[in-house]
Amino acid sequence: MLYSFEVKQDQEAEFITAWTNLTNLIYEYEGSLGSKLHKGEGQSFIAYAQWPSQEKFEQAGDNLPEEANKYRDTMRASCEKIEVLQKMEVVKDVLKQTPNV
């Protein structure tokens, strides 16, 4: 999954915290493989999320605790725009594992 976020001015810290907390819950409760968040120019962010299978992704959504809604709401409030850019299939993975930044 490839997502795009246009974050409101002065909302960057709130967005990053909410994105991180929500992503951790999705990893813990829904079985994702995690995600990476990248900052582009200005207030533009891109996130890449990976799932072990299409089936696991399609089944996700019912297992998150109530606190996930708080993080979603904060993300929505801190963004001008949130968009799913593409759903893609991994055909080759040569990304090296590095410690979290």
PDB file of N, CA and C in Angstrom:
ATOM      1  N   MET A   1       0.848  -1.172   0.000  1.00  0.00           N
ATOM      2  CA  MET A   1       0.000   0.000   0.000  1.00  0.00           C
ATOM      3  C   MET A   1       0.887   1.226   0.000  1.00  0.00           C
ATOM      4  N   LEU A   2       0.501   2.184  -0.813  1.00  0.00           N
ATOM      5  CA  LEU A   2       1.233   3.442  -0.891  1.00  0.00           C
ATOM      6  C   LEU A   2       0.261   4.573  -0.606  1.00  0.00           C
ATOM      7  N   TYR A   3       0.561   5.354   0.428  1.00  0.00           N
ATOM      8  CA  TYR A   3      -0.320   6.438   0.875  1.00  0.00           C
ATOM      9  C   TYR A   3       0.371   7.783   0.726  1.00  0.00           C
ATOM     10  N   SER A   4      -0.432   8.814   0.507  1.00  0.00           N
ATOM     11  CA  SER A   4       0.054  10.180   0.442  1.00  0.00           C
ATOM     12  C   SER A   4      -0.690  11.018   1.483  1.00  0.00           C
ATOM     13  N   PHE A   5       0.054  11.875   2.169  1.00  0.00           N
ATOM     14  CA  PHE A   5      -0.518  12.759   3.182  1.00  0.00           C
ATOM     15  C   PHE A   5      -0.038  14.184   2.940  1.00  0.00           C
ATOM     16  N   GLU A   6      -0.951  15.121   2.931  1.00  0.00           N
ATOM     17  CA  GLU A   6      -0.606  16.539   2.922  1.00  0.00           C
ATOM     18  C   GLU A   6      -0.958  17.066   4.308  1.00  0.00           C
ATOM     19  N   VAL A   7       0.070  17.335   5.095  1.00  0.00           N
ATOM     20  CA  VAL A   7      -0.115  17.699   6.494  1.00  0.00           C
ATOM     21  C   VAL A   7      -0.260  19.215   6.624  1.00  0.00           C
ATOM     22  N   LYS A   8      -1.187  19.629   7.487  1.00  0.00           N
ATOM     23  CA  LYS A   8      -1.406  21.048   7.742  1.00  0.00           C
ATOM     24  C   LYS A   8      -0.166  21.655   8.408  1.00  0.00           C
ATOM     25  N   GLN A   9       0.038  22.939   8.122  1.00  0.00           N
ATOM     26  CA  GLN A   9       1.133  23.683   8.734  1.00  0.00           C
ATOM     27  C   GLN A   9       1.025  23.574  10.254  1.00  0.00           C
ATOM     28  N   ASP A  10       2.129  23.365  10.921  1.00  0.00           N
ATOM     29  CA  ASP A  10       2.209  23.277  12.379  1.00  0.00           C
ATOM     30  C   ASP A  10       1.500  22.053  12.965  1.00  0.00           C
ATOM     31  N   GLN A  11       1.169  21.055  12.146  1.00  0.00           N
ATOM     32  CA  GLN A  11       0.535  19.830  12.635  1.00  0.00           C
ATOM     33  C   GLN A  11       1.422  18.596  12.437  1.00  0.00           C
ATOM     34  N   GLU A  12       2.644  18.820  12.028  1.00  0.00           N
ATOM     35  CA  GLU A  12       3.544  17.724  11.684  1.00  0.00           C
ATOM     36  C   GLU A  12       3.794  16.780  12.863  1.00  0.00           C
ATOM     37  N   ALA A  13       4.100  17.318  14.030  1.00  0.00           N
ATOM     38  CA  ALA A  13       4.395  16.468  15.195  1.00  0.00           C
ATOM     39  C   ALA A  13       3.189  15.623  15.577  1.00  0.00           C
ATOM     40  N   GLU A  14       2.003  16.224  15.584  1.00  0.00           N
ATOM     41  CA  GLU A  14       0.785  15.491  15.923  1.00  0.00           C
ATOM     42  C   GLU A  14       0.522  14.375  14.917  1.00  0.00           C
ATOM     43  N   PHE A  15       0.707  14.701  13.632  1.00  0.00           N
ATOM     44  CA  PHE A  15       0.509  13.702  12.582  1.00  0.00           C
ATOM     45  C   PHE A  15       1.465  12.524  12.750  1.00  0.00           C
ATOM     46  N   ILE A  16       2.745  12.808  12.911  1.00  0.00           N
ATOM     47  CA  ILE A  16       3.751  11.743  13.011  1.00  0.00           C
ATOM     48  C   ILE A  16       3.487  10.862  14.231  1.00  0.00           C
ATOM     49  N   THR A  17       3.134  11.462  15.344  1.00  0.00           N
ATOM     50  CA  THR A  17       2.827  10.676  16.546  1.00  0.00           C
ATOM     51  C   THR A  17       1.616   9.782  16.323  1.00  0.00           C
ATOM     52  N   ALA A  18       0.541  10.339  15.763  1.00  0.00           N
ATOM     53  CA  ALA A  18      -0.672   9.552  15.518  1.00  0.00           C
ATOM     54  C   ALA A  18      -0.407   8.453  14.492  1.00  0.00           C
ATOM     55  N   TRP A  19       0.308   8.777  13.410  1.00  0.00           N
ATOM     56  CA  TRP A  19       0.640   7.779  12.386  1.00  0.00           C
ATOM     57  C   TRP A  19       1.442   6.631  13.003  1.00  0.00           C
ATOM     58  N   THR A  20       2.434   6.966  13.812  1.00  0.00           N
ATOM     59  CA  THR A  20       3.277   5.954  14.450  1.00  0.00           C
ATOM     60  C   THR A  20       2.455   5.053  15.368  1.00  0.00           C
ATOM     61  N   ASN A  21       1.625   5.649  16.203  1.00  0.00           N
ATOM     62  CA  ASN A  21       0.812   4.863  17.140  1.00  0.00           C
ATOM     63  C   ASN A  21      -0.189   3.976  16.411  1.00  0.00           C
ATOM     64  N   LEU A  22      -0.844   4.508  15.382  1.00  0.00           N
ATOM     65  CA  LEU A  22      -1.801   3.713  14.619  1.00  0.00           C
ATOM     66  C   LEU A  22      -1.089   2.580  13.876  1.00  0.00           C
ATOM     67  N   THR A  23       0.030   2.881  13.269  1.00  0.00           N
ATOM     68  CA  THR A  23       0.800   1.867  12.548  1.00  0.00           C
ATOM     69  C   THR A  23       1.236   0.740  13.484  1.00  0.00           C
ATOM     70  N   ASN A  24       1.668   1.084  14.692  1.00  0.00           N
ATOM     71  CA  ASN A  24       2.057   0.067  15.666  1.00  0.00           C
ATOM     72  C   ASN A  24       0.876  -0.815  16.060  1.00  0.00           C
ATOM     73  N   LEU A  25      -0.313  -0.231  16.201  1.00  0.00           N
ATOM     74  CA  LEU A  25      -1.501  -1.021  16.526  1.00  0.00           C
ATOM     75  C   LEU A  25      -1.874  -1.955  15.375  1.00  0.00           C
ATOM     76  N   ILE A  26      -1.785  -1.458  14.150  1.00  0.00           N
ATOM     77  CA  ILE A  26      -2.099  -2.292  12.984  1.00  0.00           C
ATOM     78  C   ILE A  26      -1.121  -3.459  12.899  1.00  0.00           C
ATOM     79  N   TYR A  27       0.135  -3.203  13.178  1.00  0.00           N
ATOM     80  CA  TYR A  27       1.145  -4.257  13.200  1.00  0.00           C
ATOM     81  C   TYR A  27       0.818  -5.291  14.278  1.00  0.00           C
ATOM     82  N   GLU A  28       0.511  -4.808  15.482  1.00  0.00           N
ATOM     83  CA  GLU A  28       0.270  -5.697  16.619  1.00  0.00           C
ATOM     84  C   GLU A  28      -1.031  -6.476  16.513  1.00  0.00           C
ATOM     85  N   TYR A  29      -2.119  -5.815  16.095  1.00  0.00           N
ATOM     86  CA  TYR A  29      -3.442  -6.437  16.145  1.00  0.00           C
ATOM     87  C   TYR A  29      -3.939  -6.990  14.814  1.00  0.00           C
ATOM     88  N   GLU A  30      -3.395  -6.491  13.699  1.00  0.00           N
ATOM     89  CA  GLU A  30      -3.911  -6.907  12.397  1.00  0.00           C
ATOM     90  C   GLU A  30      -2.926  -7.736  11.583  1.00  0.00           C
ATOM     91  N   GLY A  31      -1.679  -7.815  12.018  1.00  0.00           N
ATOM     92  CA  GLY A  31      -0.721  -8.676  11.340  1.00  0.00           C
ATOM     93  C   GLY A  31      -0.018  -8.067  10.148  1.00  0.00           C
ATOM     94  N   SER A  32       0.022  -6.729  10.059  1.00  0.00           N
ATOM     95  CA  SER A  32       0.782  -6.123   8.965  1.00  0.00           C
ATOM     96  C   SER A  32       2.270  -6.370   9.189  1.00  0.00           C
ATOM     97  N   LEU A  33       3.068  -6.093   8.181  1.00  0.00           N
ATOM     98  CA  LEU A  33       4.519  -6.210   8.304  1.00  0.00           C
ATOM     99  C   LEU A  33       5.162  -4.890   8.683  1.00  0.00           C
ATOM    100  N   GLY A  34       4.332  -3.867   8.887  1.00  0.00           N
ATOM    101  CA  GLY A  34       4.837  -2.561   9.266  1.00  0.00           C
ATOM    102  C   GLY A  34       4.772  -1.568   8.126  1.00  0.00           C
ATOM    103  N   SER A  35       5.329  -0.402   8.374  1.00  0.00           N
ATOM    104  CA  SER A  35       5.241   0.690   7.417  1.00  0.00           C
ATOM    105  C   SER A  35       6.419   1.634   7.608  1.00  0.00           C
ATOM    106  N   LYS A  36       6.700   2.401   6.593  1.00  0.00           N
ATOM    107  CA  LYS A  36       7.715   3.451   6.661  1.00  0.00           C
ATOM    108  C   LYS A  36       7.072   4.761   6.206  1.00  0.00           C
ATOM    109  N   LEU A  37       7.424   5.822   6.891  1.00  0.00           N
ATOM    110  CA  LEU A  37       6.922   7.159   6.570  1.00  0.00           C
ATOM    111  C   LEU A  37       8.071   8.004   6.064  1.00  0.00           C
ATOM    112  N   HIS A  38       7.860   8.656   4.932  1.00  0.00           N
ATOM    113  CA  HIS A  38       8.881   9.502   4.326  1.00  0.00           C
ATOM    114  C   HIS A  38       8.331  10.914   4.165  1.00  0.00           C
ATOM    115  N   LYS A  39       9.182  11.908   4.409  1.00  0.00           N
ATOM    116  CA  LYS A  39       8.786  13.298   4.216  1.00  0.00           C
ATOM    117  C   LYS A  39       9.360  13.808   2.910  1.00  0.00           C
ATOM    118  N   GLY A  40       8.501  14.419   2.119  1.00  0.00           N
ATOM    119  CA  GLY A  40       8.927  15.039   0.876  1.00  0.00           C
ATOM    120  C   GLY A  40       9.102  16.529   1.069  1.00  0.00           C
ATOM    121  N   GLU A  41       8.869  17.267   0.022  1.00  0.00           N
ATOM    122  CA  GLU A  41       8.976  18.724   0.091  1.00  0.00           C
ATOM    123  C   GLU A  41       7.768  19.305   0.807  1.00  0.00           C
ATOM    124  N   GLY A  42       7.991  20.404   1.496  1.00  0.00           N
ATOM    125  CA  GLY A  42       6.897  21.089   2.170  1.00  0.00           C
ATOM    126  C   GLY A  42       6.268  20.207   3.229  1.00  0.00           C
ATOM    127  N   GLN A  43       4.956  20.055   3.134  1.00  0.00           N
ATOM    128  CA  GLN A  43       4.195  19.281   4.117  1.00  0.00           C
ATOM    129  C   GLN A  43       3.728  17.945   3.541  1.00  0.00           C
ATOM    130  N   SER A  44       4.428  17.453   2.535  1.00  0.00           N
ATOM    131  CA  SER A  44       4.069  16.219   1.846  1.00  0.00           C
ATOM    132  C   SER A  44       4.769  15.019   2.474  1.00  0.00           C
ATOM    133  N   PHE A  45       3.977  13.966   2.758  1.00  0.00           N
ATOM    134  CA  PHE A  45       4.496  12.725   3.304  1.00  0.00           C
ATOM    135  C   PHE A  45       3.987  11.557   2.463  1.00  0.00           C
ATOM    136  N   ILE A  46       4.803  10.518   2.388  1.00  0.00           N
ATOM    137  CA  ILE A  46       4.432   9.263   1.728  1.00  0.00           C
ATOM    138  C   ILE A  46       4.673   8.142   2.732  1.00  0.00           C
ATOM    139  N   ALA A  47       3.737   7.209   2.810  1.00  0.00           N
ATOM    140  CA  ALA A  47       3.920   6.026   3.657  1.00  0.00           C
ATOM    141  C   ALA A  47       3.774   4.782   2.801  1.00  0.00           C
ATOM    142  N   TYR A  48       4.597   3.807   3.101  1.00  0.00           N
ATOM    143  CA  TYR A  48       4.577   2.524   2.423  1.00  0.00           C
ATOM    144  C   TYR A  48       4.283   1.477   3.479  1.00  0.00           C
ATOM    145  N   ALA A  49       3.185   0.747   3.325  1.00  0.00           N
ATOM    146  CA  ALA A  49       2.819  -0.318   4.268  1.00  0.00           C
ATOM    147  C   ALA A  49       2.865  -1.655   3.550  1.00  0.00           C
ATOM    148  N   GLN A  50       3.359  -2.657   4.249  1.00  0.00           N
ATOM    149  CA  GLN A  50       3.454  -3.982   3.634  1.00  0.00           C
ATOM    150  C   GLN A  50       2.689  -4.999   4.477  1.00  0.00           C
ATOM    151  N   TRP A  51       2.059  -5.933   3.772  1.00  0.00           N
ATOM    152  CA  TRP A  51       1.272  -6.998   4.394  1.00  0.00           C
ATOM    153  C   TRP A  51       1.807  -8.341   3.931  1.00  0.00           C
ATOM    154  N   PRO A  52       1.662  -9.383   4.757  1.00  0.00           N
ATOM    155  CA  PRO A  52       2.184 -10.696   4.358  1.00  0.00           C
ATOM    156  C   PRO A  52       1.439 -11.301   3.173  1.00  0.00           C
ATOM    157  N   SER A  53       0.178 -10.881   2.971  1.00  0.00           N
ATOM    158  CA  SER A  53      -0.598 -11.396   1.843  1.00  0.00           C
ATOM    159  C   SER A  53      -1.785 -10.471   1.575  1.00  0.00           C
ATOM    160  N   GLN A  54      -2.328 -10.571   0.378  1.00  0.00           N
ATOM    161  CA  GLN A  54      -3.532  -9.820   0.012  1.00  0.00           C
ATOM    162  C   GLN A  54      -4.691 -10.225   0.933  1.00  0.00           C
ATOM    163  N   GLU A  55      -4.774 -11.509   1.229  1.00  0.00           N
ATOM    164  CA  GLU A  55      -5.842 -12.022   2.090  1.00  0.00           C
ATOM    165  C   GLU A  55      -5.776 -11.403   3.490  1.00  0.00           C
ATOM    166  N   LYS A  56      -4.579 -11.317   4.056  1.00  0.00           N
ATOM    167  CA  LYS A  56      -4.407 -10.724   5.391  1.00  0.00           C
ATOM    168  C   LYS A  56      -4.825  -9.257   5.379  1.00  0.00           C
ATOM    169  N   PHE A  57      -4.469  -8.540   4.324  1.00  0.00           N
ATOM    170  CA  PHE A  57      -4.847  -7.137   4.194  1.00  0.00           C
ATOM    171  C   PHE A  57      -6.372  -6.993   4.123  1.00  0.00           C
ATOM    172  N   GLU A  58      -7.006  -7.814   3.315  1.00  0.00           N
ATOM    173  CA  GLU A  58      -8.455  -7.722   3.131  1.00  0.00           C
ATOM    174  C   GLU A  58      -9.229  -8.082   4.395  1.00  0.00           C
ATOM    175  N   GLN A  59      -8.654  -8.907   5.254  1.00  0.00           N
ATOM    176  CA  GLN A  59      -9.319  -9.317   6.492  1.00  0.00           C
ATOM    177  C   GLN A  59      -9.086  -8.327   7.635  1.00  0.00           C
ATOM    178  N   ALA A  60      -8.176  -7.388   7.449  1.00  0.00           N
ATOM    179  CA  ALA A  60      -7.819  -6.456   8.515  1.00  0.00           C
ATOM    180  C   ALA A  60      -8.928  -5.439   8.769  1.00  0.00           C
ATOM    181  N   GLY A  61      -8.968  -4.956   9.998  1.00  0.00           N
ATOM    182  CA  GLY A  61      -9.871  -3.867  10.340  1.00  0.00           C
ATOM    183  C   GLY A  61     -10.750  -4.110  11.540  1.00  0.00           C
ATOM    184  N   ASP A  62     -10.985  -5.354  11.896  1.00  0.00           N
ATOM    185  CA  ASP A  62     -11.906  -5.652  12.985  1.00  0.00           C
ATOM    186  C   ASP A  62     -11.228  -5.893  14.328  1.00  0.00           C
ATOM    187  N   ASN A  63      -9.929  -5.960  14.343  1.00  0.00           N
ATOM    188  CA  ASN A  63      -9.234  -6.357  15.568  1.00  0.00           C
ATOM    189  C   ASN A  63      -8.582  -5.208  16.337  1.00  0.00           C
ATOM    190  N   LEU A  64      -8.664  -4.002  15.810  1.00  0.00           N
ATOM    191  CA  LEU A  64      -7.995  -2.881  16.461  1.00  0.00           C
ATOM    192  C   LEU A  64      -8.720  -2.459  17.729  1.00  0.00           C
ATOM    193  N   PRO A  65      -7.966  -2.052  18.750  1.00  0.00           N
ATOM    194  CA  PRO A  65      -8.596  -1.546  19.966  1.00  0.00           C
ATOM    195  C   PRO A  65      -9.212  -0.169  19.721  1.00  0.00           C
ATOM    196  N   GLU A  66     -10.058   0.265  20.629  1.00  0.00           N
ATOM    197  CA  GLU A  66     -10.769   1.545  20.505  1.00  0.00           C
ATOM    198  C   GLU A  66      -9.820   2.729  20.338  1.00  0.00           C
ATOM    199  N   GLU A  67      -8.647   2.667  20.960  1.00  0.00           N
ATOM    200  CA  GLU A  67      -7.717   3.792  20.882  1.00  0.00           C
ATOM    201  C   GLU A  67      -7.263   4.083  19.441  1.00  0.00           C
ATOM    202  N   ALA A  68      -7.399   3.122  18.538  1.00  0.00           N
ATOM    203  CA  ALA A  68      -7.035   3.354  17.139  1.00  0.00           C
ATOM    204  C   ALA A  68      -7.862   4.479  16.541  1.00  0.00           C
ATOM    205  N   ASN A  69      -9.120   4.596  16.957  1.00  0.00           N
ATOM    206  CA  ASN A  69      -9.978   5.672  16.437  1.00  0.00           C
ATOM    207  C   ASN A  69      -9.444   7.043  16.808  1.00  0.00           C
ATOM    208  N   LYS A  70      -8.867   7.175  17.981  1.00  0.00           N
ATOM    209  CA  LYS A  70      -8.278   8.447  18.409  1.00  0.00           C
ATOM    210  C   LYS A  70      -7.127   8.833  17.474  1.00  0.00           C
ATOM    211  N   TYR A  71      -6.292   7.862  17.129  1.00  0.00           N
ATOM    212  CA  TYR A  71      -5.157   8.143  16.247  1.00  0.00           C
ATOM    213  C   TYR A  71      -5.627   8.460  14.830  1.00  0.00           C
ATOM    214  N   ARG A  72      -6.630   7.745  14.357  1.00  0.00           N
ATOM    215  CA  ARG A  72      -7.198   8.047  13.029  1.00  0.00           C
ATOM    216  C   ARG A  72      -7.764   9.464  12.998  1.00  0.00           C
ATOM    217  N   ASP A  73      -8.512   9.817  14.038  1.00  0.00           N
ATOM    218  CA  ASP A  73      -9.104  11.160  14.103  1.00  0.00           C
ATOM    219  C   ASP A  73      -8.033  12.244  14.120  1.00  0.00           C
ATOM    220  N   THR A  74      -6.961  12.008  14.869  1.00  0.00           N
ATOM    221  CA  THR A  74      -5.864  12.978  14.921  1.00  0.00           C
ATOM    222  C   THR A  74      -5.199  13.102  13.561  1.00  0.00           C
ATOM    223  N   MET A  75      -5.005  11.974  12.884  1.00  0.00           N
ATOM    224  CA  MET A  75      -4.407  12.030  11.549  1.00  0.00           C
ATOM    225  C   MET A  75      -5.290  12.816  10.588  1.00  0.00           C
ATOM    226  N   ARG A  76      -6.580  12.527  10.596  1.00  0.00           N
ATOM    227  CA  ARG A  76      -7.502  13.248   9.708  1.00  0.00           C
ATOM    228  C   ARG A  76      -7.492  14.742  10.003  1.00  0.00           C
ATOM    229  N   ALA A  77      -7.501  15.099  11.289  1.00  0.00           N
ATOM    230  CA  ALA A  77      -7.536  16.509  11.679  1.00  0.00           C
ATOM    231  C   ALA A  77      -6.243  17.235  11.334  1.00  0.00           C
ATOM    232  N   SER A  78      -5.132  16.513  11.283  1.00  0.00           N
ATOM    233  CA  SER A  78      -3.844  17.152  11.020  1.00  0.00           C
ATOM    234  C   SER A  78      -3.490  17.199   9.530  1.00  0.00           C
ATOM    235  N   CYS A  79      -4.345  16.623   8.679  1.00  0.00           N
ATOM    236  CA  CYS A  79      -4.048  16.571   7.244  1.00  0.00           C
ATOM    237  C   CYS A  79      -5.050  17.376   6.419  1.00  0.00           C
ATOM    238  N   GLU A  80      -4.530  17.993   5.384  1.00  0.00           N
ATOM    239  CA  GLU A  80      -5.374  18.616   4.367  1.00  0.00           C
ATOM    240  C   GLU A  80      -5.957  17.544   3.451  1.00  0.00           C
ATOM    241  N   LYS A  81      -5.139  16.503   3.203  1.00  0.00           N
ATOM    242  CA  LYS A  81      -5.529  15.459   2.266  1.00  0.00           C
ATOM    243  C   LYS A  81      -4.829  14.148   2.623  1.00  0.00           C
ATOM    244  N   ILE A  82      -5.586  13.046   2.569  1.00  0.00           N
ATOM    245  CA  ILE A  82      -5.050  11.696   2.743  1.00  0.00           C
ATOM    246  C   ILE A  82      -5.524  10.881   1.544  1.00  0.00           C
ATOM    247  N   GLU A  83      -4.592  10.198   0.913  1.00  0.00           N
ATOM    248  CA  GLU A  83      -4.948   9.489  -0.316  1.00  0.00           C
ATOM    249  C   GLU A  83      -4.222   8.144  -0.404  1.00  0.00           C
ATOM    250  N   VAL A  84      -4.931   7.104  -0.840  1.00  0.00           N
ATOM    251  CA  VAL A  84      -4.303   5.836  -1.188  1.00  0.00           C
ATOM    252  C   VAL A  84      -3.843   5.975  -2.635  1.00  0.00           C
ATOM    253  N   LEU A  85      -2.539   5.918  -2.853  1.00  0.00           N
ATOM    254  CA  LEU A  85      -2.018   6.102  -4.199  1.00  0.00           C
ATOM    255  C   LEU A  85      -2.079   4.816  -5.012  1.00  0.00           C
ATOM    256  N   GLN A  86      -1.699   3.701  -4.376  1.00  0.00           N
ATOM    257  CA  GLN A  86      -1.703   2.427  -5.100  1.00  0.00           C
ATOM    258  C   GLN A  86      -1.718   1.260  -4.130  1.00  0.00           C
ATOM    259  N   LYS A  87      -2.304   0.170  -4.597  1.00  0.00           N
ATOM    260  CA  LYS A  87      -2.181  -1.127  -3.953  1.00  0.00           C
ATOM    261  C   LYS A  87      -1.301  -1.945  -4.882  1.00  0.00           C
ATOM    262  N   MET A  88      -0.187  -2.451  -4.360  1.00  0.00           N
ATOM    263  CA  MET A  88       0.783  -3.127  -5.207  1.00  0.00           C
ATOM    264  C   MET A  88       1.136  -4.487  -4.633  1.00  0.00           C
ATOM    265  N   GLU A  89       1.667  -5.333  -5.464  1.00  0.00           N
ATOM    266  CA  GLU A  89       2.137  -6.655  -5.076  1.00  0.00           C
ATOM    267  C   GLU A  89       3.660  -6.673  -5.114  1.00  0.00           C
ATOM    268  N   VAL A  90       4.291  -7.194  -4.068  1.00  0.00           N
ATOM    269  CA  VAL A  90       5.745  -7.326  -4.049  1.00  0.00           C
ATOM    270  C   VAL A  90       6.136  -8.439  -5.009  1.00  0.00           C
ATOM    271  N   VAL A  91       7.010  -8.127  -5.960  1.00  0.00           N
ATOM    272  CA  VAL A  91       7.498  -9.154  -6.877  1.00  0.00           C
ATOM    273  C   VAL A  91       8.955  -9.507  -6.595  1.00  0.00           C
ATOM    274  N   LYS A  92       9.663  -8.619  -5.915  1.00  0.00           N
ATOM    275  CA  LYS A  92      11.053  -8.883  -5.526  1.00  0.00           C
ATOM    276  C   LYS A  92      11.392  -7.940  -4.383  1.00  0.00           C
ATOM    277  N   ASP A  93      12.043  -8.454  -3.350  1.00  0.00           N
ATOM    278  CA  ASP A  93      12.391  -7.644  -2.185  1.00  0.00           C
ATOM    279  C   ASP A  93      13.885  -7.743  -1.944  1.00  0.00           C
ATOM    280  N   VAL A  94      14.603  -6.659  -2.173  1.00  0.00           N
ATOM    281  CA  VAL A  94      16.026  -6.605  -1.877  1.00  0.00           C
ATOM    282  C   VAL A  94      16.334  -5.464  -0.898  1.00  0.00           C
ATOM    283  N   LEU A  95      15.310  -5.004  -0.187  1.00  0.00           N
ATOM    284  CA  LEU A  95      15.484  -3.978   0.828  1.00  0.00           C
ATOM    285  C   LEU A  95      16.238  -4.559   2.015  1.00  0.00           C
ATOM    286  N   LYS A  96      17.292  -3.925   2.421  1.00  0.00           N
ATOM    287  CA  LYS A  96      18.091  -4.391   3.556  1.00  0.00           C
ATOM    288  C   LYS A  96      17.449  -3.900   4.846  1.00  0.00           C
ATOM    289  N   GLN A  97      17.445  -4.737   5.858  1.00  0.00           N
ATOM    290  CA  GLN A  97      16.898  -4.368   7.162  1.00  0.00           C
ATOM    291  C   GLN A  97      17.869  -3.444   7.872  1.00  0.00           C
ATOM    292  N   THR A  98      17.361  -2.338   8.387  1.00  0.00           N
ATOM    293  CA  THR A  98      18.156  -1.402   9.146  1.00  0.00           C
ATOM    294  C   THR A  98      17.456  -1.115  10.461  1.00  0.00           C
ATOM    295  N   PRO A  99      18.185  -0.684  11.445  1.00  0.00           N
ATOM    296  CA  PRO A  99      17.547  -0.323  12.712  1.00  0.00           C
ATOM    297  C   PRO A  99      16.549   0.818  12.493  1.00  0.00           C
ATOM    298  N   ASN A 100      15.487   0.826  13.294  1.00  0.00           N
ATOM    299  CA  ASN A 100      14.499   1.910  13.196  1.00  0.00           C
ATOM    300  C   ASN A 100      15.161   3.242  13.519  1.00  0.00           C
ATOM    301  N   VAL A 101      14.760   4.243  12.789  1.00  0.00           N
ATOM    302  CA  VAL A 101      15.307   5.594  12.980  1.00  0.00           C
ATOM    303  C   VAL A 101      14.453   6.332  13.978  1.00  0.00           C
TER     304      VAL A 101
END
